[in-house]
Amino acid sequence: MTAHAALEKKAENLLALDVREITTLADYFIICSGNSGRQVRAIAEEIDFRLSREHENYLGIEGFPECRWVLMDYGDIIVHIFEPETREFYDLDGLWGDAPRLDIPPAEN
């Protein structure tokens, strides 16, 4: 659901990682990009809207109002939404490169 919410707002380069064997921080990381701060905000708001409807509320959120990197902590899932330059600079894709990548099944209509 988290990945589909991001894709609904045209998130790019979405990566879902299973980090259970690598860290105790979370079970899964979702990493994606938005082309601007406005799009990063829209992606974050859509994820929050969809998960809150399922009574899943974030434990913490960082990155507002700048929206160059928004981090949303849902306990088992941590979502990172970046502007492209910020994503490249912090290179979480490389940092967590040993984690298995997950396939995102198509959204149910």
PDB file of N, CA and C in Angstrom:
ATOM      1  N   MET A   1       0.822  -1.191   0.000  1.00  0.00           N
ATOM      2  CA  MET A   1       0.000   0.000   0.000  1.00  0.00           C
ATOM      3  C   MET A   1       0.868   1.258   0.000  1.00  0.00           C
ATOM      4  N   THR A   2       1.940   1.249   0.755  1.00  0.00           N
ATOM      5  CA  THR A   2       2.814   2.413   0.842  1.00  0.00           C
ATOM      6  C   THR A   2       3.426   2.731  -0.518  1.00  0.00           C
ATOM      7  N   ALA A   3       3.948   1.720  -1.171  1.00  0.00           N
ATOM      8  CA  ALA A   3       4.563   1.915  -2.483  1.00  0.00           C
ATOM      9  C   ALA A   3       3.527   2.377  -3.500  1.00  0.00           C
ATOM     10  N   HIS A   4       2.335   1.796  -3.457  1.00  0.00           N
ATOM     11  CA  HIS A   4       1.290   2.191  -4.402  1.00  0.00           C
ATOM     12  C   HIS A   4       0.864   3.643  -4.184  1.00  0.00           C
ATOM     13  N   ALA A   5       0.812   4.070  -2.935  1.00  0.00           N
ATOM     14  CA  ALA A   5       0.470   5.466  -2.656  1.00  0.00           C
ATOM     15  C   ALA A   5       1.518   6.398  -3.251  1.00  0.00           C
ATOM     16  N   ALA A   6       2.784   6.035  -3.115  1.00  0.00           N
ATOM     17  CA  ALA A   6       3.858   6.853  -3.690  1.00  0.00           C
ATOM     18  C   ALA A   6       3.742   6.890  -5.211  1.00  0.00           C
ATOM     19  N   LEU A   7       3.501   5.743  -5.811  1.00  0.00           N
ATOM     20  CA  LEU A   7       3.387   5.682  -7.266  1.00  0.00           C
ATOM     21  C   LEU A   7       2.170   6.449  -7.776  1.00  0.00           C
ATOM     22  N   GLU A   8       1.119   6.504  -6.977  1.00  0.00           N
ATOM     23  CA  GLU A   8      -0.082   7.260  -7.350  1.00  0.00           C
ATOM     24  C   GLU A   8       0.256   8.735  -7.579  1.00  0.00           C
ATOM     25  N   LYS A   9       1.238   9.242  -6.829  1.00  0.00           N
ATOM     26  CA  LYS A   9       1.661  10.638  -6.975  1.00  0.00           C
ATOM     27  C   LYS A   9       2.918  10.761  -7.839  1.00  0.00           C
ATOM     28  N   LYS A  10       3.123   9.754  -8.683  1.00  0.00           N
ATOM     29  CA  LYS A  10       4.189   9.767  -9.694  1.00  0.00           C
ATOM     30  C   LYS A  10       5.595   9.741  -9.100  1.00  0.00           C
ATOM     31  N   ALA A  11       5.768   9.040  -7.975  1.00  0.00           N
ATOM     32  CA  ALA A  11       7.111   8.847  -7.426  1.00  0.00           C
ATOM     33  C   ALA A  11       7.970   8.140  -8.467  1.00  0.00           C
ATOM     34  N   GLU A  12       9.245   8.481  -8.479  1.00  0.00           N
ATOM     35  CA  GLU A  12      10.168   7.898  -9.442  1.00  0.00           C
ATOM     36  C   GLU A  12      11.212   7.064  -8.734  1.00  0.00           C
ATOM     37  N   ASN A  13      11.772   6.124  -9.477  1.00  0.00           N
ATOM     38  CA  ASN A  13      12.857   5.274  -8.976  1.00  0.00           C
ATOM     39  C   ASN A  13      12.522   4.654  -7.624  1.00  0.00           C
ATOM     40  N   LEU A  14      11.320   4.119  -7.516  1.00  0.00           N
ATOM     41  CA  LEU A  14      10.885   3.527  -6.255  1.00  0.00           C
ATOM     42  C   LEU A  14      11.634   2.235  -5.998  1.00  0.00           C
ATOM     43  N   LEU A  15      12.104   2.115  -4.781  1.00  0.00           N
ATOM     44  CA  LEU A  15      12.861   0.954  -4.352  1.00  0.00           C
ATOM     45  C   LEU A  15      12.282   0.482  -3.030  1.00  0.00           C
ATOM     46  N   ALA A  16      11.931  -0.785  -2.950  1.00  0.00           N
ATOM     47  CA  ALA A  16      11.439  -1.379  -1.706  1.00  0.00           C
ATOM     48  C   ALA A  16      12.464  -2.407  -1.260  1.00  0.00           C
ATOM     49  N   LEU A  17      12.954  -2.248  -0.035  1.00  0.00           N
ATOM     50  CA  LEU A  17      14.012  -3.105   0.486  1.00  0.00           C
ATOM     51  C   LEU A  17      13.549  -3.852   1.724  1.00  0.00           C
ATOM     52  N   ASP A  18      13.927  -5.104   1.818  1.00  0.00           N
ATOM     53  CA  ASP A  18      13.701  -5.920   3.003  1.00  0.00           C
ATOM     54  C   ASP A  18      14.974  -5.820   3.852  1.00  0.00           C
ATOM     55  N   VAL A  19      14.922  -5.065   4.930  1.00  0.00           N
ATOM     56  CA  VAL A  19      16.110  -4.820   5.747  1.00  0.00           C
ATOM     57  C   VAL A  19      16.091  -5.600   7.067  1.00  0.00           C
ATOM     58  N   ARG A  20      15.195  -6.587   7.183  1.00  0.00           N
ATOM     59  CA  ARG A  20      15.054  -7.333   8.444  1.00  0.00           C
ATOM     60  C   ARG A  20      16.333  -8.009   8.890  1.00  0.00           C
ATOM     61  N   GLU A  21      17.140  -8.487   7.950  1.00  0.00           N
ATOM     62  CA  GLU A  21      18.368  -9.204   8.303  1.00  0.00           C
ATOM     63  C   GLU A  21      19.565  -8.272   8.480  1.00  0.00           C
ATOM     64  N   ILE A  22      19.366  -6.981   8.227  1.00  0.00           N
ATOM     65  CA  ILE A  22      20.479  -6.034   8.238  1.00  0.00           C
ATOM     66  C   ILE A  22      20.421  -5.067   9.413  1.00  0.00           C
ATOM     67  N   THR A  23      19.218  -4.707   9.850  1.00  0.00           N
ATOM     68  CA  THR A  23      19.068  -3.700  10.896  1.00  0.00           C
ATOM     69  C   THR A  23      17.838  -3.996  11.746  1.00  0.00           C
ATOM     70  N   THR A  24      17.843  -3.432  12.940  1.00  0.00           N
ATOM     71  CA  THR A  24      16.663  -3.528  13.809  1.00  0.00           C
ATOM     72  C   THR A  24      15.811  -2.268  13.712  1.00  0.00           C
ATOM     73  N   LEU A  25      16.203  -1.330  12.873  1.00  0.00           N
ATOM     74  CA  LEU A  25      15.459  -0.080  12.727  1.00  0.00           C
ATOM     75  C   LEU A  25      14.047  -0.300  12.202  1.00  0.00           C
ATOM     76  N   ALA A  26      13.911  -1.207  11.256  1.00  0.00           N
ATOM     77  CA  ALA A  26      12.625  -1.451  10.602  1.00  0.00           C
ATOM     78  C   ALA A  26      12.731  -2.773   9.857  1.00  0.00           C
ATOM     79  N   ASP A  27      11.606  -3.216   9.328  1.00  0.00           N
ATOM     80  CA  ASP A  27      11.597  -4.410   8.486  1.00  0.00           C
ATOM     81  C   ASP A  27      11.789  -4.059   7.020  1.00  0.00           C
ATOM     82  N   TYR A  28      11.229  -2.919   6.625  1.00  0.00           N
ATOM     83  CA  TYR A  28      11.266  -2.517   5.219  1.00  0.00           C
ATOM     84  C   TYR A  28      11.578  -1.042   5.083  1.00  0.00           C
ATOM     85  N   PHE A  29      12.302  -0.712   4.030  1.00  0.00           N
ATOM     86  CA  PHE A  29      12.533   0.665   3.623  1.00  0.00           C
ATOM     87  C   PHE A  29      11.881   0.864   2.263  1.00  0.00           C
ATOM     88  N   ILE A  30      11.194   1.962   2.113  1.00  0.00           N
ATOM     89  CA  ILE A  30      10.705   2.403   0.816  1.00  0.00           C
ATOM     90  C   ILE A  30      11.489   3.673   0.493  1.00  0.00           C
ATOM     91  N   ILE A  31      12.153   3.683  -0.647  1.00  0.00           N
ATOM     92  CA  ILE A  31      12.943   4.839  -1.074  1.00  0.00           C
ATOM     93  C   ILE A  31      12.423   5.254  -2.441  1.00  0.00           C
ATOM     94  N   CYS A  32      12.125   6.546  -2.585  1.00  0.00           N
ATOM     95  CA  CYS A  32      11.648   7.040  -3.876  1.00  0.00           C
ATOM     96  C   CYS A  32      12.006   8.509  -4.023  1.00  0.00           C
ATOM     97  N   SER A  33      11.762   9.019  -5.219  1.00  0.00           N
ATOM     98  CA  SER A  33      12.081  10.414  -5.518  1.00  0.00           C
ATOM     99  C   SER A  33      10.868  11.141  -6.078  1.00  0.00           C
ATOM    100  N   GLY A  34      10.856  12.447  -5.802  1.00  0.00           N
ATOM    101  CA  GLY A  34       9.922  13.370  -6.437  1.00  0.00           C
ATOM    102  C   GLY A  34      10.746  14.455  -7.088  1.00  0.00           C
ATOM    103  N   ASN A  35      10.275  15.010  -8.184  1.00  0.00           N
ATOM    104  CA  ASN A  35      11.066  15.969  -8.951  1.00  0.00           C
ATOM    105  C   ASN A  35      11.193  17.349  -8.326  1.00  0.00           C
ATOM    106  N   SER A  36      10.419  17.627  -7.297  1.00  0.00           N
ATOM    107  CA  SER A  36      10.464  18.938  -6.649  1.00  0.00           C
ATOM    108  C   SER A  36      10.014  18.770  -5.199  1.00  0.00           C
ATOM    109  N   GLY A  37      10.251  19.803  -4.408  1.00  0.00           N
ATOM    110  CA  GLY A  37       9.760  19.786  -3.034  1.00  0.00           C
ATOM    111  C   GLY A  37       8.254  19.627  -2.976  1.00  0.00           C
ATOM    112  N   ARG A  38       7.570  20.238  -3.911  1.00  0.00           N
ATOM    113  CA  ARG A  38       6.100  20.125  -3.967  1.00  0.00           C
ATOM    114  C   ARG A  38       5.675  18.680  -4.217  1.00  0.00           C
ATOM    115  N   GLN A  39       6.360  17.991  -5.127  1.00  0.00           N
ATOM    116  CA  GLN A  39       6.007  16.605  -5.397  1.00  0.00           C
ATOM    117  C   GLN A  39       6.391  15.703  -4.231  1.00  0.00           C
ATOM    118  N   VAL A  40       7.526  15.956  -3.600  1.00  0.00           N
ATOM    119  CA  VAL A  40       7.916  15.181  -2.414  1.00  0.00           C
ATOM    120  C   VAL A  40       6.831  15.308  -1.349  1.00  0.00           C
ATOM    121  N   ARG A  41       6.350  16.523  -1.123  1.00  0.00           N
ATOM    122  CA  ARG A  41       5.273  16.752  -0.148  1.00  0.00           C
ATOM    123  C   ARG A  41       4.012  15.985  -0.547  1.00  0.00           C
ATOM    124  N   ALA A  42       3.649  16.035  -1.823  1.00  0.00           N
ATOM    125  CA  ALA A  42       2.442  15.351  -2.289  1.00  0.00           C
ATOM    126  C   ALA A  42       2.548  13.840  -2.082  1.00  0.00           C
ATOM    127  N   ILE A  43       3.701  13.283  -2.343  1.00  0.00           N
ATOM    128  CA  ILE A  43       3.914  11.848  -2.123  1.00  0.00           C
ATOM    129  C   ILE A  43       3.766  11.523  -0.643  1.00  0.00           C
ATOM    130  N   ALA A  44       4.408  12.313   0.215  1.00  0.00           N
ATOM    131  CA  ALA A  44       4.322  12.083   1.665  1.00  0.00           C
ATOM    132  C   ALA A  44       2.886  12.200   2.163  1.00  0.00           C
ATOM    133  N   GLU A  45       2.179  13.191   1.687  1.00  0.00           N
ATOM    134  CA  GLU A  45       0.796  13.384   2.126  1.00  0.00           C
ATOM    135  C   GLU A  45      -0.102  12.243   1.661  1.00  0.00           C
ATOM    136  N   GLU A  46       0.124  11.733   0.455  1.00  0.00           N
ATOM    137  CA  GLU A  46      -0.683  10.612  -0.040  1.00  0.00           C
ATOM    138  C   GLU A  46      -0.415   9.342   0.769  1.00  0.00           C
ATOM    139  N   ILE A  47       0.845   9.091   1.074  1.00  0.00           N
ATOM    140  CA  ILE A  47       1.180   7.930   1.907  1.00  0.00           C
ATOM    141  C   ILE A  47       0.514   8.057   3.266  1.00  0.00           C
ATOM    142  N   ASP A  48       0.637   9.218   3.884  1.00  0.00           N
ATOM    143  CA  ASP A  48       0.023   9.424   5.198  1.00  0.00           C
ATOM    144  C   ASP A  48      -1.491   9.266   5.133  1.00  0.00           C
ATOM    145  N   PHE A  49      -2.120   9.820   4.101  1.00  0.00           N
ATOM    146  CA  PHE A  49      -3.572   9.719   3.955  1.00  0.00           C
ATOM    147  C   PHE A  49      -4.006   8.259   3.851  1.00  0.00           C
ATOM    148  N   ARG A  50      -3.329   7.511   2.986  1.00  0.00           N
ATOM    149  CA  ARG A  50      -3.730   6.111   2.780  1.00  0.00           C
ATOM    150  C   ARG A  50      -3.493   5.262   4.015  1.00  0.00           C
ATOM    151  N   LEU A  51      -2.363   5.436   4.662  1.00  0.00           N
ATOM    152  CA  LEU A  51      -2.078   4.618   5.836  1.00  0.00           C
ATOM    153  C   LEU A  51      -2.938   5.013   7.026  1.00  0.00           C
ATOM    154  N   SER A  52      -3.243   6.294   7.172  1.00  0.00           N
ATOM    155  CA  SER A  52      -4.095   6.713   8.289  1.00  0.00           C
ATOM    156  C   SER A  52      -5.508   6.173   8.134  1.00  0.00           C
ATOM    157  N   ARG A  53      -5.967   5.980   6.894  1.00  0.00           N
ATOM    158  CA  ARG A  53      -7.280   5.352   6.676  1.00  0.00           C
ATOM    159  C   ARG A  53      -7.296   3.919   7.181  1.00  0.00           C
ATOM    160  N   GLU A  54      -6.126   3.284   7.205  1.00  0.00           N
ATOM    161  CA  GLU A  54      -5.994   1.914   7.706  1.00  0.00           C
ATOM    162  C   GLU A  54      -5.547   1.907   9.177  1.00  0.00           C
ATOM    163  N   HIS A  55      -5.639   3.060   9.823  1.00  0.00           N
ATOM    164  CA  HIS A  55      -5.268   3.229  11.235  1.00  0.00           C
ATOM    165  C   HIS A  55      -3.784   2.972  11.490  1.00  0.00           C
ATOM    166  N   GLU A  56      -2.985   3.238  10.473  1.00  0.00           N
ATOM    167  CA  GLU A  56      -1.532   3.166  10.592  1.00  0.00           C
ATOM    168  C   GLU A  56      -1.017   4.598  10.634  1.00  0.00           C
ATOM    169  N   ASN A  57      -0.625   5.050  11.786  1.00  0.00           N
ATOM    170  CA  ASN A  57      -0.130   6.416  11.929  1.00  0.00           C
ATOM    171  C   ASN A  57       1.372   6.400  12.116  1.00  0.00           C
ATOM    172  N   TYR A  58       2.019   7.414  11.579  1.00  0.00           N
ATOM    173  CA  TYR A  58       3.469   7.450  11.689  1.00  0.00           C
ATOM    174  C   TYR A  58       3.894   7.714  13.129  1.00  0.00           C
ATOM    175  N   LEU A  59       5.056   7.166  13.460  1.00  0.00           N
ATOM    176  CA  LEU A  59       5.655   7.389  14.777  1.00  0.00           C
ATOM    177  C   LEU A  59       6.454   8.681  14.776  1.00  0.00           C
ATOM    178  N   GLY A  60       6.943   9.048  13.622  1.00  0.00           N
ATOM    179  CA  GLY A  60       7.704  10.280  13.482  1.00  0.00           C
ATOM    180  C   GLY A  60       7.810  10.653  12.018  1.00  0.00           C
ATOM    181  N   ILE A  61       7.993  11.944  11.809  1.00  0.00           N
ATOM    182  CA  ILE A  61       8.162  12.448  10.441  1.00  0.00           C
ATOM    183  C   ILE A  61       9.147  13.599  10.497  1.00  0.00           C
ATOM    184  N   GLU A  62      10.041  13.635   9.535  1.00  0.00           N
ATOM    185  CA  GLU A  62      11.059  14.685   9.443  1.00  0.00           C
ATOM    186  C   GLU A  62      11.100  15.195   8.015  1.00  0.00           C
ATOM    187  N   GLY A  63      11.492  16.446   7.860  1.00  0.00           N
ATOM    188  CA  GLY A  63      11.753  16.982   6.526  1.00  0.00           C
ATOM    189  C   GLY A  63      10.825  18.068   6.052  1.00  0.00           C
ATOM    190  N   PHE A  64       9.794  18.370   6.816  1.00  0.00           N
ATOM    191  CA  PHE A  64       8.899  19.470   6.452  1.00  0.00           C
ATOM    192  C   PHE A  64       9.439  20.733   7.089  1.00  0.00           C
ATOM    193  N   PRO A  65       9.327  21.896   6.555  1.00  0.00           N
ATOM    194  CA  PRO A  65       8.638  22.253   5.312  1.00  0.00           C
ATOM    195  C   PRO A  65       9.521  22.206   4.071  1.00  0.00           C
ATOM    196  N   GLU A  66      10.822  21.954   4.224  1.00  0.00           N
ATOM    197  CA  GLU A  66      11.719  22.026   3.061  1.00  0.00           C
ATOM    198  C   GLU A  66      11.404  20.984   2.006  1.00  0.00           C
ATOM    199  N   CYS A  67      11.115  19.768   2.434  1.00  0.00           N
ATOM    200  CA  CYS A  67      10.721  18.670   1.550  1.00  0.00           C
ATOM    201  C   CYS A  67      11.795  18.288   0.536  1.00  0.00           C
ATOM    202  N   ARG A  68      13.047  18.415   0.919  1.00  0.00           N
ATOM    203  CA  ARG A  68      14.115  17.879   0.066  1.00  0.00           C
ATOM    204  C   ARG A  68      14.328  16.406   0.379  1.00  0.00           C
ATOM    205  N   TRP A  69      14.073  16.012   1.638  1.00  0.00           N
ATOM    206  CA  TRP A  69      14.113  14.616   2.066  1.00  0.00           C
ATOM    207  C   TRP A  69      13.094  14.492   3.182  1.00  0.00           C
ATOM    208  N   VAL A  70      12.042  13.768   2.939  1.00  0.00           N
ATOM    209  CA  VAL A  70      11.038  13.510   3.967  1.00  0.00           C
ATOM    210  C   VAL A  70      11.208  12.069   4.416  1.00  0.00           C
ATOM    211  N   LEU A  71      11.342  11.888   5.719  1.00  0.00           N
ATOM    212  CA  LEU A  71      11.459  10.565   6.315  1.00  0.00           C
ATOM    213  C   LEU A  71      10.209  10.325   7.141  1.00  0.00           C
ATOM    214  N   MET A  72       9.539   9.213   6.887  1.00  0.00           N
ATOM    215  CA  MET A  72       8.315   8.856   7.597  1.00  0.00           C
ATOM    216  C   MET A  72       8.540   7.502   8.263  1.00  0.00           C
ATOM    217  N   ASP A  73       8.417   7.465   9.583  1.00  0.00           N
ATOM    218  CA  ASP A  73       8.652   6.243  10.345  1.00  0.00           C
ATOM    219  C   ASP A  73       7.318   5.650  10.780  1.00  0.00           C
ATOM    220  N   TYR A  74       7.009   4.480  10.235  1.00  0.00           N
ATOM    221  CA  TYR A  74       5.789   3.761  10.599  1.00  0.00           C
ATOM    222  C   TYR A  74       6.106   2.516  11.425  1.00  0.00           C
ATOM    223  N   GLY A  75       7.262   2.498  12.051  1.00  0.00           N
ATOM    224  CA  GLY A  75       7.647   1.347  12.859  1.00  0.00           C
ATOM    225  C   GLY A  75       8.294   0.273  12.012  1.00  0.00           C
ATOM    226  N   ASP A  76       7.495  -0.596  11.420  1.00  0.00           N
ATOM    227  CA  ASP A  76       8.017  -1.672  10.578  1.00  0.00           C
ATOM    228  C   ASP A  76       8.471  -1.183   9.215  1.00  0.00           C
ATOM    229  N   ILE A  77       7.940  -0.051   8.789  1.00  0.00           N
ATOM    230  CA  ILE A  77       8.280   0.515   7.481  1.00  0.00           C
ATOM    231  C   ILE A  77       8.798   1.932   7.673  1.00  0.00           C
ATOM    232  N   ILE A  78       9.926   2.225   7.045  1.00  0.00           N
ATOM    233  CA  ILE A  78      10.448   3.591   7.021  1.00  0.00           C
ATOM    234  C   ILE A  78      10.471   4.036   5.566  1.00  0.00           C
ATOM    235  N   VAL A  79       9.874   5.184   5.322  1.00  0.00           N
ATOM    236  CA  VAL A  79       9.760   5.727   3.972  1.00  0.00           C
ATOM    237  C   VAL A  79      10.705   6.918   3.841  1.00  0.00           C
ATOM    238  N   HIS A  80      11.497   6.912   2.778  1.00  0.00           N
ATOM    239  CA  HIS A  80      12.395   8.014   2.447  1.00  0.00           C
ATOM    240  C   HIS A  80      11.951   8.564   1.102  1.00  0.00           C
ATOM    241  N   ILE A  81      11.599   9.846   1.063  1.00  0.00           N
ATOM    242  CA  ILE A  81      11.182  10.493  -0.183  1.00  0.00           C
ATOM    243  C   ILE A  81      12.143  11.656  -0.425  1.00  0.00           C
ATOM    244  N   PHE A  82      12.826  11.624  -1.551  1.00  0.00           N
ATOM    245  CA  PHE A  82      13.890  12.578  -1.834  1.00  0.00           C
ATOM    246  C   PHE A  82      13.616  13.405  -3.078  1.00  0.00           C
ATOM    247  N   GLU A  83      14.196  14.602  -3.104  1.00  0.00           N
ATOM    248  CA  GLU A  83      14.458  15.271  -4.375  1.00  0.00           C
ATOM    249  C   GLU A  83      15.663  14.539  -4.970  1.00  0.00           C
ATOM    250  N   PRO A  84      15.784  14.466  -6.299  1.00  0.00           N
ATOM    251  CA  PRO A  84      16.847  13.662  -6.914  1.00  0.00           C
ATOM    252  C   PRO A  84      18.266  13.994  -6.448  1.00  0.00           C
ATOM    253  N   GLU A  85      18.598  15.275  -6.326  1.00  0.00           N
ATOM    254  CA  GLU A  85      19.963  15.639  -5.926  1.00  0.00           C
ATOM    255  C   GLU A  85      20.259  15.186  -4.493  1.00  0.00           C
ATOM    256  N   THR A  86      19.277  15.293  -3.639  1.00  0.00           N
ATOM    257  CA  THR A  86      19.460  14.892  -2.243  1.00  0.00           C
ATOM    258  C   THR A  86      19.603  13.379  -2.155  1.00  0.00           C
ATOM    259  N   ARG A  87      18.819  12.662  -2.936  1.00  0.00           N
ATOM    260  CA  ARG A  87      18.922  11.196  -2.947  1.00  0.00           C
ATOM    261  C   ARG A  87      20.308  10.771  -3.406  1.00  0.00           C
ATOM    262  N   GLU A  88      20.792  11.406  -4.445  1.00  0.00           N
ATOM    263  CA  GLU A  88      22.120  11.069  -4.953  1.00  0.00           C
ATOM    264  C   GLU A  88      23.200  11.357  -3.903  1.00  0.00           C
ATOM    265  N   PHE A  89      23.073  12.490  -3.219  1.00  0.00           N
ATOM    266  CA  PHE A  89      24.072  12.880  -2.222  1.00  0.00           C
ATOM    267  C   PHE A  89      24.141  11.877  -1.070  1.00  0.00           C
ATOM    268  N   TYR A  90      23.002  11.485  -0.527  1.00  0.00           N
ATOM    269  CA  TYR A  90      22.992  10.591   0.636  1.00  0.00           C
ATOM    270  C   TYR A  90      23.118   9.119   0.258  1.00  0.00           C
ATOM    271  N   ASP A  91      22.808   8.756  -0.964  1.00  0.00           N
ATOM    272  CA  ASP A  91      23.017   7.422  -1.525  1.00  0.00           C
ATOM    273  C   ASP A  91      22.545   6.279  -0.615  1.00  0.00           C
ATOM    274  N   LEU A  92      21.312   6.371  -0.139  1.00  0.00           N
ATOM    275  CA  LEU A  92      20.766   5.264   0.646  1.00  0.00           C
ATOM    276  C   LEU A  92      20.658   3.994  -0.187  1.00  0.00           C
ATOM    277  N   ASP A  93      20.469   4.162  -1.489  1.00  0.00           N
ATOM    278  CA  ASP A  93      20.411   2.996  -2.372  1.00  0.00           C
ATOM    279  C   ASP A  93      21.695   2.182  -2.251  1.00  0.00           C
ATOM    280  N   GLY A  94      22.826   2.862  -2.204  1.00  0.00           N
ATOM    281  CA  GLY A  94      24.119   2.188  -2.062  1.00  0.00           C
ATOM    282  C   GLY A  94      24.375   1.723  -0.643  1.00  0.00           C
ATOM    283  N   LEU A  95      24.014   2.554   0.319  1.00  0.00           N
ATOM    284  CA  LEU A  95      24.238   2.224   1.728  1.00  0.00           C
ATOM    285  C   LEU A  95      23.522   0.934   2.119  1.00  0.00           C
ATOM    286  N   TRP A  96      22.313   0.760   1.630  1.00  0.00           N
ATOM    287  CA  TRP A  96      21.506  -0.422   1.944  1.00  0.00           C
ATOM    288  C   TRP A  96      21.479  -1.386   0.760  1.00  0.00           C
ATOM    289  N   GLY A  97      22.499  -1.330  -0.082  1.00  0.00           N
ATOM    290  CA  GLY A  97      22.548  -2.134  -1.298  1.00  0.00           C
ATOM    291  C   GLY A  97      22.563  -3.632  -1.078  1.00  0.00           C
ATOM    292  N   ASP A  98      22.933  -4.091   0.118  1.00  0.00           N
ATOM    293  CA  ASP A  98      22.946  -5.530   0.407  1.00  0.00           C
ATOM    294  C   ASP A  98      21.561  -6.078   0.724  1.00  0.00           C
ATOM    295  N   ALA A  99      20.605  -5.197   0.954  1.00  0.00           N
ATOM    296  CA  ALA A  99      19.250  -5.642   1.308  1.00  0.00           C
ATOM    297  C   ALA A  99      18.535  -6.186   0.077  1.00  0.00           C
ATOM    298  N   PRO A 100      17.792  -7.257   0.247  1.00  0.00           N
ATOM    299  CA  PRO A 100      17.007  -7.779  -0.884  1.00  0.00           C
ATOM    300  C   PRO A 100      15.975  -6.755  -1.348  1.00  0.00           C
ATOM    301  N   ARG A 101      15.850  -6.632  -2.653  1.00  0.00           N
ATOM    302  CA  ARG A 101      14.852  -5.741  -3.248  1.00  0.00           C
ATOM    303  C   ARG A 101      13.546  -6.503  -3.405  1.00  0.00           C
ATOM    304  N   LEU A 102      12.464  -5.817  -3.150  1.00  0.00           N
ATOM    305  CA  LEU A 102      11.147  -6.427  -3.236  1.00  0.00           C
ATOM    306  C   LEU A 102      10.433  -5.994  -4.508  1.00  0.00           C
ATOM    307  N   ASP A 103       9.734  -6.912  -5.123  1.00  0.00           N
ATOM    308  CA  ASP A 103       8.889  -6.575  -6.263  1.00  0.00           C
ATOM    309  C   ASP A 103       7.606  -5.960  -5.743  1.00  0.00           C
ATOM    310  N   ILE A 104       7.143  -4.930  -6.402  1.00  0.00           N
ATOM    311  CA  ILE A 104       5.895  -4.278  -6.040  1.00  0.00           C
ATOM    312  C   ILE A 104       4.816  -4.821  -6.986  1.00  0.00           C
ATOM    313  N   PRO A 105       3.849  -5.569  -6.441  1.00  0.00           N
ATOM    314  CA  PRO A 105       2.786  -6.068  -7.320  1.00  0.00           C
ATOM    315  C   PRO A 105       1.899  -4.917  -7.794  1.00  0.00           C
ATOM    316  N   PRO A 106       1.222  -5.095  -8.921  1.00  0.00           N
ATOM    317  CA  PRO A 106       0.335  -4.043  -9.418  1.00  0.00           C
ATOM    318  C   PRO A 106      -0.748  -3.711  -8.386  1.00  0.00           C
ATOM    319  N   ALA A 107      -1.159  -2.465  -8.375  1.00  0.00           N
ATOM    320  CA  ALA A 107      -2.204  -2.025  -7.455  1.00  0.00           C
ATOM    321  C   ALA A 107      -3.532  -2.656  -7.837  1.00  0.00           C
ATOM    322  N   GLU A 108      -4.314  -2.975  -6.833  1.00  0.00           N
ATOM    323  CA  GLU A 108      -5.664  -3.502  -7.077  1.00  0.00           C
ATOM    324  C   GLU A 108      -6.584  -2.326  -7.349  1.00  0.00           C
ATOM    325  N   ASN A 109      -7.422  -2.448  -8.337  1.00  0.00           N
ATOM    326  CA  ASN A 109      -8.368  -1.353  -8.660  1.00  0.00           C
ATOM    327  C   ASN A 109      -9.656  -1.525  -7.950  1.00  0.00           C
TER     328      ASN A 109
END
